[in-house]
Protein backbone atom coordinates (compact mmCIF):
# COMPACT_ATOMS: atom_id res chain seq x y z
CA UNK A 1 -8.10 25.28 -53.22
CA UNK A 2 -9.31 21.77 -52.59
CA UNK A 3 -12.68 21.38 -51.23
CA UNK A 4 -14.20 18.20 -50.07
CA UNK A 5 -18.29 18.08 -48.91
CA UNK A 6 -19.75 14.80 -47.27
CA UNK A 7 -23.23 14.32 -47.21
CA UNK A 8 -25.52 11.03 -46.50
CA UNK A 9 -24.66 10.53 -43.00
CA UNK A 10 -27.06 9.12 -40.34
CA UNK A 11 -28.79 6.94 -37.97
CA UNK A 12 -30.04 3.70 -39.12
CA UNK A 13 -31.09 -0.15 -38.16
CA UNK A 14 -28.26 -2.95 -38.10
CA UNK A 15 -28.87 -4.53 -41.64
CA UNK A 16 -30.25 -0.82 -42.98
CA UNK A 17 -28.19 0.72 -46.06
CA UNK A 18 -27.24 4.12 -46.98
CA UNK A 19 -25.32 5.92 -49.80
CA UNK A 20 -22.47 8.81 -48.72
CA UNK A 21 -21.60 11.28 -51.47
CA UNK A 22 -18.42 13.63 -51.84
CA UNK A 23 -18.67 16.58 -53.87
CA UNK A 24 -15.31 17.60 -54.41
CA UNK A 25 -13.92 21.14 -55.95
CA UNK A 26 -10.24 23.05 -56.46
CA UNK A 27 -8.76 20.36 -58.87
CA UNK A 28 -8.82 18.17 -61.48
CA UNK A 29 -11.31 15.33 -59.79
CA UNK A 30 -10.81 13.31 -63.09
CA UNK A 31 -7.23 12.50 -62.69
CA UNK A 32 -6.75 11.79 -58.71
CA UNK A 33 -7.67 8.33 -56.91
CA UNK A 34 -10.37 9.27 -54.34
CA UNK A 35 -10.57 7.23 -50.85
CA UNK A 36 -13.39 6.61 -48.44
CA UNK A 37 -11.97 6.63 -45.04
CA UNK A 38 -13.54 6.35 -41.10
CA UNK A 39 -12.99 7.30 -38.00
CA UNK A 40 -14.62 5.01 -35.01
CA UNK A 41 -15.22 6.47 -31.17
CA UNK A 42 -11.74 5.74 -29.68
CA UNK A 43 -9.94 4.39 -32.40
CA UNK A 44 -7.86 5.39 -35.44
CA UNK A 45 -9.14 6.66 -39.27
CA UNK A 46 -9.15 3.73 -41.21
CA UNK A 47 -9.05 3.28 -45.09
CA UNK A 48 -12.69 1.47 -45.87
CA UNK A 49 -12.64 2.07 -49.74
CA UNK A 50 -10.71 3.48 -52.74
CA UNK A 51 -11.36 4.27 -56.15
CA UNK A 52 -8.85 4.94 -59.79
CA UNK A 53 -9.61 8.60 -61.41
CA UNK A 54 -10.92 6.42 -64.21
CA UNK A 55 -13.09 4.56 -61.86
CA UNK A 56 -12.17 1.11 -63.11
CA UNK A 57 -10.53 -0.30 -60.20
CA UNK A 58 -11.10 -0.42 -56.26
CA UNK A 59 -10.10 -1.49 -53.26
CA UNK A 60 -11.41 -2.65 -49.96
CA UNK A 61 -10.75 -3.53 -46.47
CA UNK A 62 -11.56 -6.58 -45.41
CA UNK A 63 -13.98 -5.59 -42.88
CA UNK A 64 -16.74 -4.17 -45.86
CA UNK A 65 -15.72 -5.84 -48.83
CA UNK A 66 -18.80 -7.33 -50.36
CA UNK A 67 -20.99 -5.20 -48.43
CA UNK A 68 -19.92 -1.64 -49.07
CA UNK A 69 -19.31 0.24 -53.19
CA UNK A 70 -17.06 2.67 -54.03
CA UNK A 71 -18.16 4.72 -57.10
CA UNK A 72 -17.59 7.86 -58.60
CA UNK A 73 -19.16 9.88 -61.37
CA UNK A 74 -16.60 12.27 -62.91
CA UNK A 75 -18.61 14.85 -64.96
CA UNK A 76 -20.29 15.29 -61.37
CA UNK A 77 -16.91 15.62 -59.59
CA UNK A 78 -18.55 13.11 -57.11
CA UNK A 79 -17.50 10.24 -54.92
CA UNK A 80 -20.06 7.95 -54.01
CA UNK A 81 -20.20 4.81 -50.64
CA UNK A 82 -22.74 2.45 -51.03
CA UNK A 83 -23.09 1.18 -48.05
CA UNK A 84 -25.30 -2.36 -47.42
CA UNK A 85 -26.08 -4.62 -44.48
CA UNK A 86 -24.85 -2.28 -41.94
CA UNK A 87 -23.38 -3.81 -38.72
CA UNK A 88 -22.77 -1.69 -35.71
CA UNK A 89 -19.83 -1.85 -35.72
CA UNK A 90 -19.75 0.38 -38.65
CA UNK A 91 -20.69 3.26 -36.79
CA UNK A 92 -18.14 5.80 -37.69
CA UNK A 93 -17.47 9.27 -38.93
CA UNK A 94 -16.67 8.82 -42.09
CA UNK A 95 -14.39 11.28 -44.60
CA UNK A 96 -13.64 11.58 -48.12
CA UNK A 97 -10.10 12.04 -49.18
CA UNK A 98 -7.40 12.96 -51.90
CA UNK A 99 -3.83 13.40 -52.45
CA UNK A 100 -2.98 16.30 -54.40
CA UNK A 101 0.49 16.93 -54.90
CA UNK A 102 1.75 14.85 -52.08
CA UNK A 103 -0.63 16.85 -49.82
CA UNK A 104 -3.32 14.91 -48.40
CA UNK A 105 -6.89 16.92 -48.09
CA UNK A 106 -9.99 15.61 -46.13
CA UNK A 107 -13.32 16.64 -45.97
CA UNK A 108 -15.16 17.23 -42.53
CA UNK A 109 -17.09 13.99 -42.45
CA UNK A 110 -20.37 12.90 -41.61
CA UNK A 111 -21.81 10.67 -38.90
CA UNK A 112 -23.06 7.27 -39.93
CA UNK A 113 -24.94 5.47 -36.83
CA UNK A 114 -26.36 1.72 -37.03
CA UNK A 115 -28.18 1.53 -34.09
CA UNK A 116 -31.61 -0.74 -33.39
């Protein structure tokens, strides 16, 4: 079955950086577009970034463009989210996600807290 496991979250000061990782299994990772979403307390889940199967095209929300970078390593079945210049409003649970045969799958998420 499809499994997605996020890691790399934690507490960071404003202006700091974190790199999130998502290990995938149970599907042909290299064939599918991968995405990162986030959900802040009291808010709806939102798309942060996505990357095509070959890694040649990426897409970002306006709120993170220029600060976050999504990448993938297909031989390792892993997608990454490099987050720089973090702001308190980036505080959220970050989820890795994939849509396989019309069904969307989610990891359990990793918490990122940006605070001094």
